[in-house]
Amino acid sequence: MKKHVWFINAHPDDLNGGLGLALVLKELKDYQIHIVDFTRGERGLAHKNVPMDECAATRTIEEKAVCARLGVEPVFLPEIDGESYVTPETCDIIENLFREAPPTAIITHWPVDVHADHVMCGAAVIRTVRKGKIPAEMYFYRQNRQSRNLPEDVYFPFDSRIMDLKCELLSLYVCQDGSSIAARERIEDTYNGYRCGAEFAECYASFQIPGEGTFFTDLAKVR
């Protein structure tokens, strides 16, 4: 039976903080990844005066292209970029998704990120897990220029092949200047790798009490 790992993101392209992990999980037969976007990033091109519906359509296409490379179909929740909240209706949708494919681990936003949508997304996942008594480990990933005071306690190392794939996929987020996102992630992951003695790495903060949790430990055994 496959272990389900859920990535819950505020916007298309927010998977950047955990894409290395997603790429490794895709190659392991014991894991199935799921990608959920809280919004469609409707306001992501407001600085170019692109209408929200047009922006949403563009970012949806780009997200589907990235997810196709990961072998999954993204799920989009009904919140709106810049207007998202922790609504009971959205939390119910998340809970139903978790019931259909019970998570071994959930990866989402640190709920004190700078971006309000990240805050709402992370808080909605926490509320859903607590309200629904979902027995899953939960982790928060760092977002470049967004996460503040993230208590990093888990490093996930990977090699240059995965790093190159990660940058290739990030470059598909063309409307958000994905090539620049990829360049920042390469620098960030190089630094994280230095901190944990690896070539590259992503860092995560655990929602569990320190010392609890087996997801990353088990993953290290099967890679």
C-alpha atoms as a PDB file:
ATOM      1  CA  MET A   1       0.000   0.000   0.000  1.00  0.00           C
ATOM      2  CA  LYS A   2       1.400   3.380  -1.008  1.00  0.00           C
ATOM      3  CA  LYS A   3       2.133   6.117   1.498  1.00  0.00           C
ATOM      4  CA  HIS A   4       0.378   9.345   0.554  1.00  0.00           C
ATOM      5  CA  VAL A   5       2.248  12.638   0.874  1.00  0.00           C
ATOM      6  CA  TRP A   6       0.276  15.852   0.430  1.00  0.00           C
ATOM      7  CA  PHE A   7       1.753  19.195  -0.647  1.00  0.00           C
ATOM      8  CA  ILE A   8      -0.701  22.013   0.151  1.00  0.00           C
ATOM      9  CA  ASN A   9       0.359  25.307  -1.467  1.00  0.00           C
ATOM     10  CA  ALA A  10      -1.130  28.806  -1.448  1.00  0.00           C
ATOM     11  CA  HIS A  11      -0.445  29.473  -5.144  1.00  0.00           C
ATOM     12  CA  PRO A  12       0.809  27.716  -8.259  1.00  0.00           C
ATOM     13  CA  ASP A  13       4.637  27.803  -8.112  1.00  0.00           C
ATOM     14  CA  ASP A  14       4.711  27.704  -4.273  1.00  0.00           C
ATOM     15  CA  LEU A  15       5.851  24.105  -4.517  1.00  0.00           C
ATOM     16  CA  ASN A  16       9.360  25.527  -5.020  1.00  0.00           C
ATOM     17  CA  GLY A  17      10.252  24.962  -1.360  1.00  0.00           C
ATOM     18  CA  GLY A  18       9.508  21.238  -1.552  1.00  0.00           C
ATOM     19  CA  LEU A  19       9.957  20.319  -5.199  1.00  0.00           C
ATOM     20  CA  GLY A  20      13.172  18.383  -4.571  1.00  0.00           C
ATOM     21  CA  LEU A  21      11.324  16.212  -2.069  1.00  0.00           C
ATOM     22  CA  ALA A  22       8.429  15.755  -4.508  1.00  0.00           C
ATOM     23  CA  LEU A  23      10.795  14.692  -7.291  1.00  0.00           C
ATOM     24  CA  VAL A  24      12.464  12.080  -5.093  1.00  0.00           C
ATOM     25  CA  LEU A  25       9.108  10.727  -3.874  1.00  0.00           C
ATOM     26  CA  LYS A  26       7.915  10.435  -7.483  1.00  0.00           C
ATOM     27  CA  GLU A  27      10.739   7.960  -8.151  1.00  0.00           C
ATOM     28  CA  LEU A  28       9.984   5.765  -5.128  1.00  0.00           C
ATOM     29  CA  LYS A  29       7.363   3.055  -5.634  1.00  0.00           C
ATOM     30  CA  ASP A  30       6.146   3.176  -2.031  1.00  0.00           C
ATOM     31  CA  TYR A  31       4.969   6.796  -2.179  1.00  0.00           C
ATOM     32  CA  GLN A  32       2.176   8.694  -3.926  1.00  0.00           C
ATOM     33  CA  ILE A  33       2.295  12.478  -3.970  1.00  0.00           C
ATOM     34  CA  HIS A  34      -0.686  14.842  -4.113  1.00  0.00           C
ATOM     35  CA  ILE A  35      -0.563  18.568  -4.900  1.00  0.00           C
ATOM     36  CA  VAL A  36      -3.237  21.032  -3.790  1.00  0.00           C
ATOM     37  CA  ASP A  37      -3.305  24.774  -4.476  1.00  0.00           C
ATOM     38  CA  PHE A  38      -5.287  26.997  -2.104  1.00  0.00           C
ATOM     39  CA  THR A  39      -5.779  29.556  -4.912  1.00  0.00           C
ATOM     40  CA  ARG A  40      -5.010  29.813  -8.624  1.00  0.00           C
ATOM     41  CA  GLY A  41      -2.755  32.843  -8.088  1.00  0.00           C
ATOM     42  CA  GLU A  42      -5.291  35.169  -9.663  1.00  0.00           C
ATOM     43  CA  ARG A  43      -3.429  38.362  -8.758  1.00  0.00           C
ATOM     44  CA  GLY A  44       0.027  37.155  -9.776  1.00  0.00           C
ATOM     45  CA  LEU A  45       0.149  39.409 -12.851  1.00  0.00           C
ATOM     46  CA  ALA A  46      -1.624  42.459 -11.436  1.00  0.00           C
ATOM     47  CA  HIS A  47       1.583  44.484 -11.863  1.00  0.00           C
ATOM     48  CA  LYS A  48       1.201  43.910 -15.604  1.00  0.00           C
ATOM     49  CA  ASN A  49      -2.515  44.807 -15.555  1.00  0.00           C
ATOM     50  CA  VAL A  50      -3.492  41.271 -16.533  1.00  0.00           C
ATOM     51  CA  PRO A  51      -7.103  40.505 -15.519  1.00  0.00           C
ATOM     52  CA  MET A  52      -7.536  38.018 -12.684  1.00  0.00           C
ATOM     53  CA  ASP A  53      -9.365  35.416 -14.779  1.00  0.00           C
ATOM     54  CA  GLU A  54      -6.692  35.515 -17.473  1.00  0.00           C
ATOM     55  CA  CYS A  55      -3.928  35.236 -14.899  1.00  0.00           C
ATOM     56  CA  ALA A  56      -5.678  32.319 -13.195  1.00  0.00           C
ATOM     57  CA  ALA A  57      -5.996  30.494 -16.519  1.00  0.00           C
ATOM     58  CA  THR A  58      -2.309  31.005 -17.328  1.00  0.00           C
ATOM     59  CA  ARG A  59      -1.102  29.892 -13.913  1.00  0.00           C
ATOM     60  CA  THR A  60      -3.419  26.883 -13.933  1.00  0.00           C
ATOM     61  CA  ILE A  61      -1.931  25.733 -17.247  1.00  0.00           C
ATOM     62  CA  GLU A  62       1.601  26.160 -15.910  1.00  0.00           C
ATOM     63  CA  GLU A  63       0.809  24.297 -12.691  1.00  0.00           C
ATOM     64  CA  LYS A  64      -0.725  21.418 -14.620  1.00  0.00           C
ATOM     65  CA  ALA A  65       2.377  21.221 -16.813  1.00  0.00           C
ATOM     66  CA  VAL A  66       4.652  20.940 -13.768  1.00  0.00           C
ATOM     67  CA  CYS A  67       2.356  18.441 -12.049  1.00  0.00           C
ATOM     68  CA  ALA A  68       2.190  16.345 -15.219  1.00  0.00           C
ATOM     69  CA  ARG A  69       5.963  15.947 -14.996  1.00  0.00           C
ATOM     70  CA  LEU A  70       5.413  14.717 -11.439  1.00  0.00           C
ATOM     71  CA  GLY A  71       2.712  12.297 -12.561  1.00  0.00           C
ATOM     72  CA  VAL A  72      -0.134  13.978 -10.672  1.00  0.00           C
ATOM     73  CA  GLU A  73      -3.186  16.133 -11.334  1.00  0.00           C
ATOM     74  CA  PRO A  74      -3.326  19.231  -9.110  1.00  0.00           C
ATOM     75  CA  VAL A  75      -6.397  20.053  -7.040  1.00  0.00           C
ATOM     76  CA  PHE A  76      -7.444  23.703  -6.835  1.00  0.00           C
ATOM     77  CA  LEU A  77      -9.382  24.934  -3.827  1.00  0.00           C
ATOM     78  CA  PRO A  78     -11.992  27.718  -4.132  1.00  0.00           C
ATOM     79  CA  GLU A  79     -10.047  30.470  -2.335  1.00  0.00           C
ATOM     80  CA  ILE A  80      -8.986  33.642  -4.180  1.00  0.00           C
ATOM     81  CA  ASP A  81      -5.451  35.022  -4.317  1.00  0.00           C
ATOM     82  CA  GLY A  82      -5.271  37.949  -1.896  1.00  0.00           C
ATOM     83  CA  GLU A  83      -8.688  37.179  -0.409  1.00  0.00           C
ATOM     84  CA  SER A  84      -8.158  33.725   1.091  1.00  0.00           C
ATOM     85  CA  TYR A  85      -9.421  32.768   4.534  1.00  0.00           C
ATOM     86  CA  VAL A  86      -9.655  29.705   6.730  1.00  0.00           C
ATOM     87  CA  THR A  87     -13.256  28.954   5.857  1.00  0.00           C
ATOM     88  CA  PRO A  88     -15.130  25.892   7.131  1.00  0.00           C
ATOM     89  CA  GLU A  89     -16.057  25.028   3.558  1.00  0.00           C
ATOM     90  CA  THR A  90     -12.462  24.945   2.343  1.00  0.00           C
ATOM     91  CA  CYS A  91     -11.337  22.996   5.411  1.00  0.00           C
ATOM     92  CA  ASP A  92     -14.082  20.451   4.721  1.00  0.00           C
ATOM     93  CA  ILE A  93     -12.773  20.005   1.165  1.00  0.00           C
ATOM     94  CA  ILE A  94      -9.252  19.437   2.481  1.00  0.00           C
ATOM     95  CA  GLU A  95     -10.510  16.953   5.068  1.00  0.00           C
ATOM     96  CA  ASN A  96     -12.422  15.010   2.414  1.00  0.00           C
ATOM     97  CA  LEU A  97      -9.279  14.821   0.278  1.00  0.00           C
ATOM     98  CA  PHE A  98      -7.368  13.462   3.262  1.00  0.00           C
ATOM     99  CA  ARG A  99     -10.088  10.891   3.917  1.00  0.00           C
ATOM    100  CA  GLU A 100      -9.862   9.643   0.340  1.00  0.00           C
ATOM    101  CA  ALA A 101      -6.082   9.201   0.511  1.00  0.00           C
ATOM    102  CA  PRO A 102      -4.997   9.257   4.185  1.00  0.00           C
ATOM    103  CA  PRO A 103      -1.723  11.191   4.448  1.00  0.00           C
ATOM    104  CA  THR A 104       1.458   9.819   5.894  1.00  0.00           C
ATOM    105  CA  ALA A 105       2.879  13.324   5.762  1.00  0.00           C
ATOM    106  CA  ILE A 106       1.573  16.784   4.911  1.00  0.00           C
ATOM    107  CA  ILE A 107       3.860  19.538   3.636  1.00  0.00           C
ATOM    108  CA  THR A 108       2.539  23.113   3.702  1.00  0.00           C
ATOM    109  CA  HIS A 109       3.361  26.733   4.483  1.00  0.00           C
ATOM    110  CA  TRP A 110       4.826  28.024   7.721  1.00  0.00           C
ATOM    111  CA  PRO A 111       1.792  29.932   9.058  1.00  0.00           C
ATOM    112  CA  VAL A 112       3.731  33.078   9.914  1.00  0.00           C
ATOM    113  CA  ASP A 113       5.102  33.655   6.417  1.00  0.00           C
ATOM    114  CA  VAL A 114       5.041  37.221   5.120  1.00  0.00           C
ATOM    115  CA  HIS A 115       2.392  36.470   2.482  1.00  0.00           C
ATOM    116  CA  ALA A 116      -1.126  36.454   3.942  1.00  0.00           C
ATOM    117  CA  ASP A 117      -2.216  33.635   1.620  1.00  0.00           C
ATOM    118  CA  HIS A 118       0.599  31.458   2.969  1.00  0.00           C
ATOM    119  CA  VAL A 119      -0.619  32.198   6.498  1.00  0.00           C
ATOM    120  CA  MET A 120      -4.198  31.266   5.635  1.00  0.00           C
ATOM    121  CA  CYS A 121      -3.122  28.117   3.788  1.00  0.00           C
ATOM    122  CA  GLY A 122      -0.958  26.841   6.644  1.00  0.00           C
ATOM    123  CA  ALA A 123      -3.605  27.707   9.219  1.00  0.00           C
ATOM    124  CA  ALA A 124      -6.316  25.926   7.218  1.00  0.00           C
ATOM    125  CA  VAL A 125      -4.241  22.751   7.072  1.00  0.00           C
ATOM    126  CA  ILE A 126      -3.576  22.878  10.820  1.00  0.00           C
ATOM    127  CA  ARG A 127      -7.264  23.463  11.542  1.00  0.00           C
ATOM    128  CA  THR A 128      -8.250  20.579   9.275  1.00  0.00           C
ATOM    129  CA  VAL A 129      -5.766  18.176  10.844  1.00  0.00           C
ATOM    130  CA  ARG A 130      -6.864  19.069  14.355  1.00  0.00           C
ATOM    131  CA  LYS A 131     -10.605  19.193  13.686  1.00  0.00           C
ATOM    132  CA  GLY A 132     -10.573  15.996  11.652  1.00  0.00           C
ATOM    133  CA  LYS A 133      -8.100  14.240  13.962  1.00  0.00           C
ATOM    134  CA  ILE A 134      -5.990  13.365  10.909  1.00  0.00           C
ATOM    135  CA  PRO A 135      -3.188  11.034  12.098  1.00  0.00           C
ATOM    136  CA  ALA A 136      -0.446  12.440   9.881  1.00  0.00           C
ATOM    137  CA  GLU A 137       2.926  14.054  10.356  1.00  0.00           C
ATOM    138  CA  MET A 138       3.037  17.673   9.236  1.00  0.00           C
ATOM    139  CA  TYR A 139       5.963  19.788   8.060  1.00  0.00           C
ATOM    140  CA  PHE A 140       6.407  23.379   6.889  1.00  0.00           C
ATOM    141  CA  TYR A 141       8.776  24.316   4.099  1.00  0.00           C
ATOM    142  CA  ARG A 142      10.730  27.515   3.713  1.00  0.00           C
ATOM    143  CA  GLN A 143       9.719  29.986   1.053  1.00  0.00           C
ATOM    144  CA  ASN A 144      12.436  32.313  -0.215  1.00  0.00           C
ATOM    145  CA  ARG A 145      11.896  35.879   1.032  1.00  0.00           C
ATOM    146  CA  GLN A 146       8.639  34.818   2.715  1.00  0.00           C
ATOM    147  CA  SER A 147       9.343  32.610   5.743  1.00  0.00           C
ATOM    148  CA  ARG A 148      10.298  34.302   8.994  1.00  0.00           C
ATOM    149  CA  ASN A 149      11.825  32.559  12.006  1.00  0.00           C
ATOM    150  CA  LEU A 150      11.180  29.101  10.575  1.00  0.00           C
ATOM    151  CA  PRO A 151      12.428  26.613  13.208  1.00  0.00           C
ATOM    152  CA  GLU A 152      14.300  24.385  10.759  1.00  0.00           C
ATOM    153  CA  ASP A 153      14.853  20.949  12.255  1.00  0.00           C
ATOM    154  CA  VAL A 154      14.805  18.667   9.201  1.00  0.00           C
ATOM    155  CA  TYR A 155      17.100  18.741   6.178  1.00  0.00           C
ATOM    156  CA  PHE A 156      16.323  16.705   3.073  1.00  0.00           C
ATOM    157  CA  PRO A 157      19.478  16.147   0.971  1.00  0.00           C
ATOM    158  CA  PHE A 158      19.616  15.382  -2.733  1.00  0.00           C
ATOM    159  CA  ASP A 159      22.110  15.351  -5.574  1.00  0.00           C
ATOM    160  CA  SER A 160      22.724  17.526  -8.613  1.00  0.00           C
ATOM    161  CA  ARG A 161      20.449  15.404 -10.825  1.00  0.00           C
ATOM    162  CA  ILE A 162      17.447  16.245  -8.650  1.00  0.00           C
ATOM    163  CA  MET A 163      18.564  19.860  -8.364  1.00  0.00           C
ATOM    164  CA  ASP A 164      18.737  20.153 -12.154  1.00  0.00           C
ATOM    165  CA  LEU A 165      15.286  18.588 -12.515  1.00  0.00           C
ATOM    166  CA  LYS A 166      13.938  20.939  -9.877  1.00  0.00           C
ATOM    167  CA  CYS A 167      15.258  23.978 -11.742  1.00  0.00           C
ATOM    168  CA  GLU A 168      13.911  22.623 -15.045  1.00  0.00           C
ATOM    169  CA  LEU A 169      10.416  22.312 -13.605  1.00  0.00           C
ATOM    170  CA  LEU A 170      10.530  25.675 -11.851  1.00  0.00           C
ATOM    171  CA  SER A 171      11.392  27.265 -15.188  1.00  0.00           C
ATOM    172  CA  LEU A 172       7.983  26.146 -16.475  1.00  0.00           C
ATOM    173  CA  TYR A 173       6.362  28.823 -14.301  1.00  0.00           C
ATOM    174  CA  VAL A 174       7.044  31.298 -17.090  1.00  0.00           C
ATOM    175  CA  CYS A 175       4.584  34.014 -16.081  1.00  0.00           C
ATOM    176  CA  GLN A 176       6.193  34.209 -12.627  1.00  0.00           C
ATOM    177  CA  ASP A 177       9.727  34.343 -14.048  1.00  0.00           C
ATOM    178  CA  GLY A 178      10.403  30.745 -13.195  1.00  0.00           C
ATOM    179  CA  SER A 179      14.026  30.937 -14.296  1.00  0.00           C
ATOM    180  CA  SER A 180      14.692  33.474 -11.533  1.00  0.00           C
ATOM    181  CA  ILE A 181      12.864  31.271  -9.024  1.00  0.00           C
ATOM    182  CA  ALA A 182      15.064  28.365 -10.106  1.00  0.00           C
ATOM    183  CA  ALA A 183      18.230  30.435  -9.703  1.00  0.00           C
ATOM    184  CA  ARG A 184      17.240  31.476  -6.171  1.00  0.00           C
ATOM    185  CA  GLU A 185      16.384  27.904  -5.235  1.00  0.00           C
ATOM    186  CA  ARG A 186      19.742  26.637  -6.467  1.00  0.00           C
ATOM    187  CA  ILE A 187      21.512  29.151  -4.223  1.00  0.00           C
ATOM    188  CA  GLU A 188      19.233  28.357  -1.279  1.00  0.00           C
ATOM    189  CA  ASP A 189      19.558  24.594  -1.672  1.00  0.00           C
ATOM    190  CA  THR A 190      23.334  24.836  -2.052  1.00  0.00           C
ATOM    191  CA  TYR A 191      23.480  26.702   1.262  1.00  0.00           C
ATOM    192  CA  ASN A 192      21.146  24.168   2.918  1.00  0.00           C
ATOM    193  CA  GLY A 193      23.332  21.374   1.603  1.00  0.00           C
ATOM    194  CA  TYR A 194      26.405  23.018   3.105  1.00  0.00           C
ATOM    195  CA  ARG A 195      24.631  23.208   6.463  1.00  0.00           C
ATOM    196  CA  CYS A 196      23.860  19.477   6.515  1.00  0.00           C
ATOM    197  CA  GLY A 197      26.915  18.128   4.691  1.00  0.00           C
ATOM    198  CA  ALA A 198      25.199  17.373   1.373  1.00  0.00           C
ATOM    199  CA  GLU A 199      25.450  18.641  -2.186  1.00  0.00           C
ATOM    200  CA  PHE A 200      21.979  20.221  -2.037  1.00  0.00           C
ATOM    201  CA  ALA A 201      19.141  20.137   0.481  1.00  0.00           C
ATOM    202  CA  GLU A 202      15.754  21.567   1.381  1.00  0.00           C
ATOM    203  CA  CYS A 203      14.910  22.465   4.961  1.00  0.00           C
ATOM    204  CA  TYR A 204      11.671  21.885   6.818  1.00  0.00           C
ATOM    205  CA  ALA A 205      10.187  22.615  10.213  1.00  0.00           C
ATOM    206  CA  SER A 206       8.348  19.829  11.991  1.00  0.00           C
ATOM    207  CA  PHE A 207       4.910  20.379  13.533  1.00  0.00           C
ATOM    208  CA  GLN A 208       5.575  17.420  15.817  1.00  0.00           C
ATOM    209  CA  ILE A 209       7.274  17.606  19.192  1.00  0.00           C
ATOM    210  CA  PRO A 210      11.059  17.395  18.650  1.00  0.00           C
ATOM    211  CA  GLY A 211      12.074  13.760  18.385  1.00  0.00           C
ATOM    212  CA  GLU A 212       8.696  12.609  17.108  1.00  0.00           C
ATOM    213  CA  GLY A 213       7.970  11.726  13.487  1.00  0.00           C
ATOM    214  CA  THR A 214       9.319   9.025  11.220  1.00  0.00           C
ATOM    215  CA  PHE A 215       8.541  10.212   7.680  1.00  0.00           C
ATOM    216  CA  PHE A 216      11.962  11.622   6.799  1.00  0.00           C
ATOM    217  CA  THR A 217      13.730   8.898   8.785  1.00  0.00           C
ATOM    218  CA  ASP A 218      11.880   6.171   6.896  1.00  0.00           C
ATOM    219  CA  LEU A 219      12.457   7.969   3.605  1.00  0.00           C
ATOM    220  CA  ALA A 220      16.206   8.001   4.203  1.00  0.00           C
ATOM    221  CA  LYS A 221      16.148   4.201   4.585  1.00  0.00           C
ATOM    222  CA  VAL A 222      14.505   3.480   1.212  1.00  0.00           C
ATOM    223  CA  ARG A 223      16.290   5.970  -1.055  1.00  0.00           C
END
